[in-house]
Amino acid sequence: MNLIGEHTDYNDGFVMPAALDFFTWVRLATLEQRKLHVFSENFNEEVEVDLDDPNLAARGHWSDYPIGVAVVMERAGYRLHGASLRIRGEVPIGSGLSSSAAIEVATACALTANSGLEIDSRELALLCQRAENEFVGARVGIMDQFVSLFGQAQHALLLDCRSLEFKLLPLPDNVRLIICNTMVKHELASSAYNERRAQCEAGVRLLSQFYPNIRALRDVTVGQLEEHRSELPEVVYRRCRHVITENARVLEAGEVLAQQDLWRFGKLMGESHVSLRDDYEVSSDELDLMVELGQKIDGVYGARMTGGGFGGSTVNLVREENADEFSTRVAEGYERVTGLKPEIYIRSAGNGAEEVSQF
């Protein structure tokens, strides 16, 4: 779950996610043949593939995520042993809480251990990202996979998506992360995500005519953007403005969180949501309503949409003593307006992927 820094990761920018104490488990048994048997407890389905099949391709199925990880690891030169994988996940699918990254990372860790490989965790995160980019076909950044490996309980993670350097910032013990699932996921989310990325790349190409050293929007200042606003299509300008100002918000958020200034942190969360709504245009009526309801309740430091957008969830930073009241009032207000019953989760920041003896 991302506290702040949305749609900046694929622009070489800065993000501040936290791993949540939701879990996806992969139980593994070794097979003598170089095959993968993948069974999902959630879907009650099994898929079998041959690791030596050169024609494995995505088919728009849940199994694309674990199989894609295996395919990309093989292509990177990591020879895998055959395995039977049994997957069970409690990360809500379609909620914007990175259920795909959870499956990818858990699968990658399991296959690595099963095959006796030693792979640096940063490399493992990049392989999982490649699986989603190249096999599944979603042009996601590195954030979800990275925090799924490096997250730490009761900490946020400030990540430089270019260098993959990060720092862990403690979250106060008396604060809860409350996730409000709108129960809405608009169909255009995937295509619109790729469209936004293409618009950012168009902005970089245009601006690099004036600033040849620019590699990504991470390298552009607000002043440079404004100076050449007339050379950019209006929609490209607004997409760029969101990313550039969002990067600045993340860096400031890191400073104020280190000082435990949660009110300023929450203000930055609110500014982030407005920018996502107006400049990046990835919010929705349901997300805006959920944020508006949350901001009115005592003990709420900040509220914003989280994830790719067009539905999904909001994240709210709330004092522990106000958490139950928050959940009740937001759920009632949201259902009254939309007729939808939201799912609301009161969570803490958890650890990233690790081996467990049983589940």
Protein backbone atom coordinates (compact mmCIF):
# COMPACT_ATOMS: atom_id res chain seq x y z
CA MET A 1 0.00 0.00 0.00
CA ASN A 2 1.36 3.37 -0.99
CA LEU A 3 1.16 6.22 1.51
CA ILE A 4 2.26 8.83 -1.02
CA GLY A 5 3.98 8.91 -4.40
CA GLU A 6 1.49 7.66 -6.96
CA HIS A 7 2.47 7.07 -10.61
CA THR A 8 6.00 8.27 -9.89
CA ASP A 9 7.72 4.88 -9.80
CA TYR A 10 7.74 4.30 -13.55
CA ASN A 11 9.05 7.85 -13.95
CA ASP A 12 12.25 7.03 -11.99
CA GLY A 13 10.81 8.98 -9.06
CA PHE A 14 10.19 8.58 -5.35
CA VAL A 15 7.53 6.59 -3.53
CA MET A 16 6.64 5.83 0.07
CA PRO A 17 4.84 2.51 0.41
CA ALA A 18 4.40 0.23 3.39
CA ALA A 19 3.94 -3.52 3.43
CA LEU A 20 0.62 -4.45 5.04
CA ASP A 21 -0.07 -7.38 7.33
CA PHE A 22 -2.13 -9.12 4.65
CA PHE A 23 -0.52 -12.29 3.37
CA THR A 24 -0.18 -14.46 0.28
CA TRP A 25 1.22 -17.91 0.99
CA VAL A 26 2.90 -20.27 -1.47
CA ARG A 27 3.36 -23.85 -0.28
CA LEU A 28 5.93 -25.65 -2.41
CA ALA A 29 6.85 -29.28 -3.06
CA THR A 30 9.69 -30.30 -5.38
CA LEU A 31 8.93 -32.25 -8.56
CA GLU A 32 11.46 -34.40 -10.41
CA GLN A 33 10.20 -33.24 -13.80
CA ARG A 34 10.76 -29.64 -14.93
CA LYS A 35 7.10 -28.77 -14.67
CA LEU A 36 5.09 -26.36 -12.61
CA HIS A 37 1.81 -27.45 -11.05
CA VAL A 38 0.11 -24.31 -9.74
CA PHE A 39 -3.05 -24.58 -7.68
CA SER A 40 -5.00 -21.57 -6.38
CA GLU A 41 -7.07 -22.15 -3.28
CA ASN A 42 -8.89 -18.87 -3.94
CA PHE A 43 -10.04 -19.89 -7.43
CA ASN A 44 -10.02 -23.66 -6.83
CA GLU A 45 -8.17 -24.14 -10.12
CA GLU A 46 -4.97 -25.88 -11.15
CA VAL A 47 -2.67 -25.13 -14.08
CA GLU A 48 0.28 -27.21 -15.27
CA VAL A 49 3.07 -25.99 -17.57
CA ASP A 50 6.36 -27.39 -18.84
CA LEU A 51 9.34 -25.20 -17.95
CA ASP A 52 11.04 -26.31 -21.18
CA ASP A 53 8.15 -25.07 -23.33
CA PRO A 54 9.48 -22.05 -25.29
CA ASN A 55 5.99 -20.91 -26.23
CA LEU A 56 4.55 -20.14 -22.81
CA ALA A 57 2.47 -16.97 -23.02
CA ALA A 58 -0.02 -15.03 -20.94
CA ARG A 59 -3.68 -15.93 -21.38
CA GLY A 60 -5.46 -13.38 -19.18
CA HIS A 61 -5.67 -15.77 -16.24
CA TRP A 62 -4.63 -15.61 -12.57
CA SER A 63 -1.90 -18.14 -13.35
CA ASP A 64 -0.11 -15.61 -15.58
CA TYR A 65 1.50 -14.08 -12.47
CA PRO A 66 3.25 -17.14 -11.00
CA ILE A 67 4.01 -18.65 -14.42
CA GLY A 68 5.30 -15.29 -15.66
CA VAL A 69 7.75 -15.17 -12.77
CA ALA A 70 9.08 -18.62 -13.67
CA VAL A 71 9.39 -17.72 -17.35
CA VAL A 72 11.29 -14.50 -16.64
CA MET A 73 13.63 -16.21 -14.16
CA GLU A 74 14.42 -18.84 -16.78
CA ARG A 75 15.05 -16.19 -19.43
CA ALA A 76 17.42 -14.42 -17.03
CA GLY A 77 19.52 -17.58 -16.79
CA TYR A 78 18.19 -19.04 -13.55
CA ARG A 79 17.45 -22.73 -14.15
CA LEU A 80 14.51 -23.80 -12.04
CA HIS A 81 13.62 -27.15 -10.59
CA GLY A 82 10.13 -28.48 -11.09
CA ALA A 83 7.67 -27.62 -8.35
CA SER A 84 4.12 -27.99 -7.18
CA LEU A 85 2.83 -24.64 -5.89
CA ARG A 86 -0.26 -24.20 -3.76
CA ILE A 87 -1.24 -20.53 -3.46
CA ARG A 88 -3.55 -18.95 -0.94
CA GLY A 89 -4.02 -15.19 -0.73
CA GLU A 90 -5.87 -12.85 1.58
CA VAL A 91 -4.90 -9.64 -0.24
CA PRO A 92 -8.21 -8.36 -1.69
CA ILE A 93 -8.10 -8.69 -5.48
CA GLY A 94 -8.93 -5.52 -7.40
CA SER A 95 -8.60 -3.32 -4.33
CA GLY A 96 -5.42 -1.54 -5.42
CA LEU A 97 -3.40 -3.33 -2.71
CA SER A 98 -0.93 -5.12 -4.99
CA SER A 99 -2.30 -8.66 -4.90
CA SER A 100 -0.38 -9.35 -8.13
CA ALA A 101 2.95 -8.29 -6.61
CA ALA A 102 2.25 -10.43 -3.54
CA ILE A 103 1.79 -13.52 -5.73
CA GLU A 104 4.85 -12.70 -7.84
CA VAL A 105 7.18 -12.13 -4.90
CA ALA A 106 5.97 -15.15 -2.91
CA THR A 107 6.36 -17.33 -6.00
CA ALA A 108 9.82 -15.96 -6.79
CA CYS A 109 11.03 -16.58 -3.25
CA ALA A 110 9.64 -20.12 -3.28
CA LEU A 111 11.17 -21.00 -6.66
CA THR A 112 14.51 -19.50 -5.64
CA ALA A 113 14.67 -21.61 -2.48
CA ASN A 114 13.45 -24.74 -4.25
CA SER A 115 16.12 -24.45 -6.94
CA GLY A 116 19.01 -23.73 -4.58
CA LEU A 117 19.60 -20.32 -6.12
CA GLU A 118 21.10 -17.22 -4.56
CA ILE A 119 19.50 -14.08 -5.97
CA ASP A 120 19.90 -10.61 -4.50
CA SER A 121 16.57 -9.25 -3.26
CA ARG A 122 16.83 -6.20 -5.50
CA GLU A 123 17.34 -8.46 -8.50
CA LEU A 124 14.39 -10.57 -7.39
CA ALA A 125 12.17 -7.48 -7.24
CA LEU A 126 13.26 -6.49 -10.75
CA LEU A 127 12.54 -9.99 -12.08
CA CYS A 128 9.04 -9.84 -10.61
CA GLN A 129 8.49 -6.45 -12.20
CA ARG A 130 9.66 -7.84 -15.54
CA ALA A 131 7.20 -10.69 -15.21
CA GLU A 132 4.35 -8.21 -14.96
CA ASN A 133 5.76 -5.93 -17.67
CA GLU A 134 6.85 -8.50 -20.24
CA PHE A 135 4.69 -11.56 -19.58
CA VAL A 136 1.44 -10.21 -18.12
CA GLY A 137 1.64 -6.99 -20.15
CA ALA A 138 1.07 -4.41 -17.40
CA ARG A 139 3.67 -1.63 -17.47
CA VAL A 140 3.98 -1.31 -13.70
CA GLY A 141 6.88 0.29 -11.87
CA ILE A 142 9.10 -1.37 -9.27
CA MET A 143 7.37 -0.16 -6.10
CA ASP A 144 4.95 -2.98 -5.31
CA GLN A 145 7.46 -5.77 -5.78
CA PHE A 146 10.18 -3.89 -3.91
CA VAL A 147 8.19 -3.18 -0.77
CA SER A 148 6.80 -6.72 -0.82
CA LEU A 149 10.41 -7.83 -0.30
CA PHE A 150 11.91 -5.04 1.80
CA GLY A 151 8.98 -3.83 3.93
CA GLN A 152 9.39 -3.80 7.68
CA ALA A 153 6.78 -3.87 10.43
CA GLN A 154 5.65 -0.47 11.68
CA HIS A 155 7.70 1.36 9.06
CA ALA A 156 7.14 3.16 5.79
CA LEU A 157 9.75 2.76 3.07
CA LEU A 158 11.03 5.77 1.14
CA LEU A 159 12.32 4.41 -2.16
CA ASP A 160 14.32 6.01 -4.96
CA CYS A 161 12.97 4.08 -7.95
CA ARG A 162 16.03 4.88 -10.07
CA SER A 163 18.85 3.83 -7.75
CA LEU A 164 16.71 1.44 -5.63
CA GLU A 165 18.21 3.03 -2.54
CA PHE A 166 15.75 3.25 0.32
CA LYS A 167 15.32 4.25 3.92
CA LEU A 168 12.89 2.93 6.49
CA LEU A 169 10.92 5.53 8.43
CA PRO A 170 9.14 4.53 11.66
CA LEU A 171 5.39 4.96 11.93
CA PRO A 172 4.10 5.87 15.41
CA ASP A 173 2.69 2.97 17.43
CA ASN A 174 -0.60 4.81 17.99
CA VAL A 175 -1.37 5.22 14.27
CA ARG A 176 -3.30 2.81 12.09
CA LEU A 177 -3.39 2.49 8.33
CA ILE A 178 -7.04 2.13 7.35
CA ILE A 179 -7.79 0.87 3.88
CA CYS A 180 -11.24 1.63 2.46
CA ASN A 181 -12.12 -0.51 -0.57
CA THR A 182 -14.70 1.25 -2.73
CA MET A 183 -15.74 -2.14 -4.21
CA VAL A 184 -15.50 -0.49 -7.63
CA LYS A 185 -12.96 -1.19 -10.34
CA HIS A 186 -13.64 0.53 -13.64
CA GLU A 187 -12.88 -1.50 -16.75
CA LEU A 188 -10.66 1.14 -18.33
CA ALA A 189 -8.08 0.97 -15.50
CA SER A 190 -5.48 -1.16 -17.28
CA SER A 191 -5.57 0.65 -20.63
CA ALA A 192 -5.67 4.06 -18.95
CA TYR A 193 -2.64 3.13 -16.83
CA ASN A 194 -0.59 2.35 -19.95
CA GLU A 195 -1.92 5.53 -21.59
CA ARG A 196 -0.73 7.66 -18.64
CA ARG A 197 2.70 6.10 -18.87
CA ALA A 198 2.88 6.85 -22.59
CA GLN A 199 1.89 10.47 -21.91
CA CYS A 200 4.71 10.84 -19.40
CA GLU A 201 7.17 9.42 -21.92
CA ALA A 202 5.89 11.88 -24.51
CA GLY A 203 6.56 14.70 -22.05
CA VAL A 204 10.12 13.51 -21.55
CA ARG A 205 10.74 13.36 -25.31
CA LEU A 206 9.46 16.91 -25.80
CA LEU A 207 11.29 18.39 -22.82
CA SER A 208 14.56 16.62 -23.68
CA GLN A 209 14.75 18.81 -26.80
CA PHE A 210 15.45 21.70 -24.42
CA TYR A 211 17.22 19.75 -21.65
CA PRO A 212 19.25 16.93 -23.25
CA ASN A 213 20.25 15.39 -19.90
CA ILE A 214 16.66 14.52 -18.98
CA ARG A 215 16.10 10.76 -18.76
CA ALA A 216 12.74 10.76 -16.96
CA LEU A 217 10.31 13.20 -15.36
CA ARG A 218 12.27 12.70 -12.16
CA ASP A 219 14.93 14.97 -13.74
CA VAL A 220 12.54 17.85 -14.53
CA THR A 221 11.84 20.80 -12.23
CA VAL A 222 8.56 22.67 -11.99
CA GLY A 223 10.33 25.75 -13.38
CA GLN A 224 11.53 23.88 -16.45
CA LEU A 225 8.07 22.47 -17.05
CA GLU A 226 6.42 25.87 -16.78
CA GLU A 227 8.99 27.49 -19.04
CA HIS A 228 8.05 25.13 -21.87
CA ARG A 229 4.38 24.68 -21.12
CA SER A 230 3.39 26.08 -24.51
CA GLU A 231 5.41 23.38 -26.29
CA LEU A 232 3.44 20.59 -24.59
CA PRO A 233 -0.08 19.40 -25.32
CA GLU A 234 -2.28 20.41 -22.38
CA VAL A 235 -2.97 16.85 -21.25
CA VAL A 236 0.74 15.95 -21.37
CA TYR A 237 1.57 19.08 -19.39
CA ARG A 238 -0.88 18.14 -16.64
CA ARG A 239 0.39 14.56 -16.46
CA CYS A 240 3.94 15.87 -16.11
CA ARG A 241 2.91 18.43 -13.50
CA HIS A 242 1.42 15.71 -11.32
CA VAL A 243 4.54 13.54 -11.43
CA ILE A 244 6.97 16.41 -10.81
CA THR A 245 5.02 17.87 -7.90
CA GLU A 246 4.30 14.41 -6.49
CA ASN A 247 8.03 13.66 -6.34
CA ALA A 248 8.52 16.84 -4.33
CA ARG A 249 5.67 15.84 -1.98
CA VAL A 250 7.24 12.44 -1.33
CA LEU A 251 10.58 13.94 -0.39
CA GLU A 252 8.93 16.45 1.92
CA ALA A 253 6.77 13.69 3.39
CA GLY A 254 9.94 11.77 4.26
CA GLU A 255 11.29 14.78 6.13
CA VAL A 256 8.12 15.45 8.10
CA LEU A 257 7.59 11.76 8.95
CA ALA A 258 11.11 11.61 10.33
CA GLN A 259 10.06 14.52 12.58
CA GLN A 260 6.77 12.72 13.43
CA ASP A 261 4.81 15.69 12.08
CA LEU A 262 1.74 13.67 11.09
CA TRP A 263 -0.50 16.67 10.46
CA ARG A 264 1.85 18.02 7.78
CA PHE A 265 2.21 14.50 6.40
CA GLY A 266 -1.57 14.24 6.15
CA LYS A 267 -1.79 17.59 4.37
CA LEU A 268 0.62 16.26 1.76
CA MET A 269 -1.57 13.18 1.34
CA GLY A 270 -4.53 15.45 0.62
CA GLU A 271 -2.54 17.47 -1.92
CA SER A 272 -1.52 14.23 -3.59
CA HIS A 273 -5.14 13.16 -4.00
CA VAL A 274 -6.13 16.49 -5.56
CA SER A 275 -3.28 16.21 -8.05
CA LEU A 276 -4.23 12.63 -8.92
CA ARG A 277 -7.83 13.72 -9.38
CA ASP A 278 -7.27 16.89 -11.40
CA ASP A 279 -3.93 16.57 -13.21
CA TYR A 280 -3.49 12.82 -13.62
CA GLU A 281 -7.23 12.08 -13.80
CA VAL A 282 -7.06 8.61 -12.25
CA SER A 283 -9.49 9.08 -9.40
CA SER A 284 -13.21 8.29 -9.53
CA ASP A 285 -16.41 9.57 -7.93
CA GLU A 286 -16.26 6.71 -5.44
CA LEU A 287 -12.67 7.41 -4.43
CA ASP A 288 -13.35 11.14 -4.11
CA LEU A 289 -16.35 10.45 -1.90
CA MET A 290 -14.38 8.07 0.30
CA VAL A 291 -11.60 10.63 0.76
CA GLU A 292 -14.11 13.40 1.52
CA LEU A 293 -15.84 11.26 4.16
CA GLY A 294 -12.55 10.32 5.79
CA GLN A 295 -11.22 13.85 5.99
CA LYS A 296 -14.20 14.96 8.10
CA ILE A 297 -13.57 12.58 11.01
CA ASP A 298 -11.59 13.41 14.16
CA GLY A 299 -8.22 11.74 14.46
CA VAL A 300 -7.63 11.51 10.72
CA TYR A 301 -4.26 12.91 9.72
CA GLY A 302 -4.65 12.30 5.99
CA ALA A 303 -6.65 10.50 3.32
CA ARG A 304 -6.00 9.80 -0.36
CA MET A 305 -6.56 7.27 -3.09
CA THR A 306 -3.88 4.59 -3.32
CA GLY A 307 -2.89 2.39 -6.23
CA GLY A 308 -3.40 2.88 -9.95
CA GLY A 309 -6.83 4.49 -9.59
CA PHE A 310 -10.21 4.30 -11.36
CA GLY A 311 -11.63 2.59 -8.29
CA GLY A 312 -9.87 0.46 -5.74
CA SER A 313 -9.05 1.84 -2.32
CA THR A 314 -8.16 4.85 -0.24
CA VAL A 315 -5.51 4.89 2.47
CA ASN A 316 -6.10 6.81 5.66
CA LEU A 317 -3.67 7.66 8.43
CA VAL A 318 -5.74 7.56 11.64
CA ARG A 319 -5.11 7.75 15.38
CA GLU A 320 -5.65 4.34 16.93
CA GLU A 321 -8.34 5.55 19.35
CA ASN A 322 -10.41 6.91 16.44
CA ALA A 323 -10.05 3.87 14.17
CA ASP A 324 -13.35 2.14 15.04
CA GLU A 325 -15.37 5.36 14.80
CA PHE A 326 -13.72 6.11 11.47
CA SER A 327 -14.62 2.69 10.07
CA THR A 328 -18.24 2.92 11.14
CA ARG A 329 -18.89 6.45 9.93
CA VAL A 330 -17.13 6.08 6.60
CA ALA A 331 -18.88 2.79 5.85
CA GLU A 332 -22.30 4.23 6.70
CA GLY A 333 -21.74 7.43 4.73
CA TYR A 334 -20.40 5.64 1.68
CA GLU A 335 -23.21 3.07 1.58
CA ARG A 336 -25.81 5.79 2.05
CA VAL A 337 -24.62 7.66 -1.05
CA THR A 338 -23.59 4.80 -3.36
CA GLY A 339 -25.64 1.84 -2.19
CA LEU A 340 -22.38 -0.15 -2.00
CA LYS A 341 -21.10 -1.73 1.19
CA PRO A 342 -17.36 -1.00 1.38
CA GLU A 343 -14.72 -3.25 2.85
CA ILE A 344 -12.67 -1.45 5.48
CA TYR A 345 -9.46 -2.86 6.93
CA ILE A 346 -7.68 -1.52 10.00
CA ARG A 347 -4.09 -2.61 9.51
CA SER A 348 -0.52 -2.01 10.59
CA ALA A 349 2.63 -2.02 8.50
CA GLY A 350 4.03 -5.54 8.26
CA ASN A 351 7.18 -7.33 7.14
CA GLY A 352 8.04 -8.23 3.58
CA ALA A 353 8.36 -11.76 2.21
CA GLU A 354 9.83 -14.43 4.44
CA GLU A 355 9.91 -18.20 4.73
CA VAL A 356 7.54 -19.75 7.26
CA SER A 357 7.43 -23.33 8.49
CA GLN A 358 3.69 -23.77 8.07
CA PHE A 359 0.50 -21.91 7.11
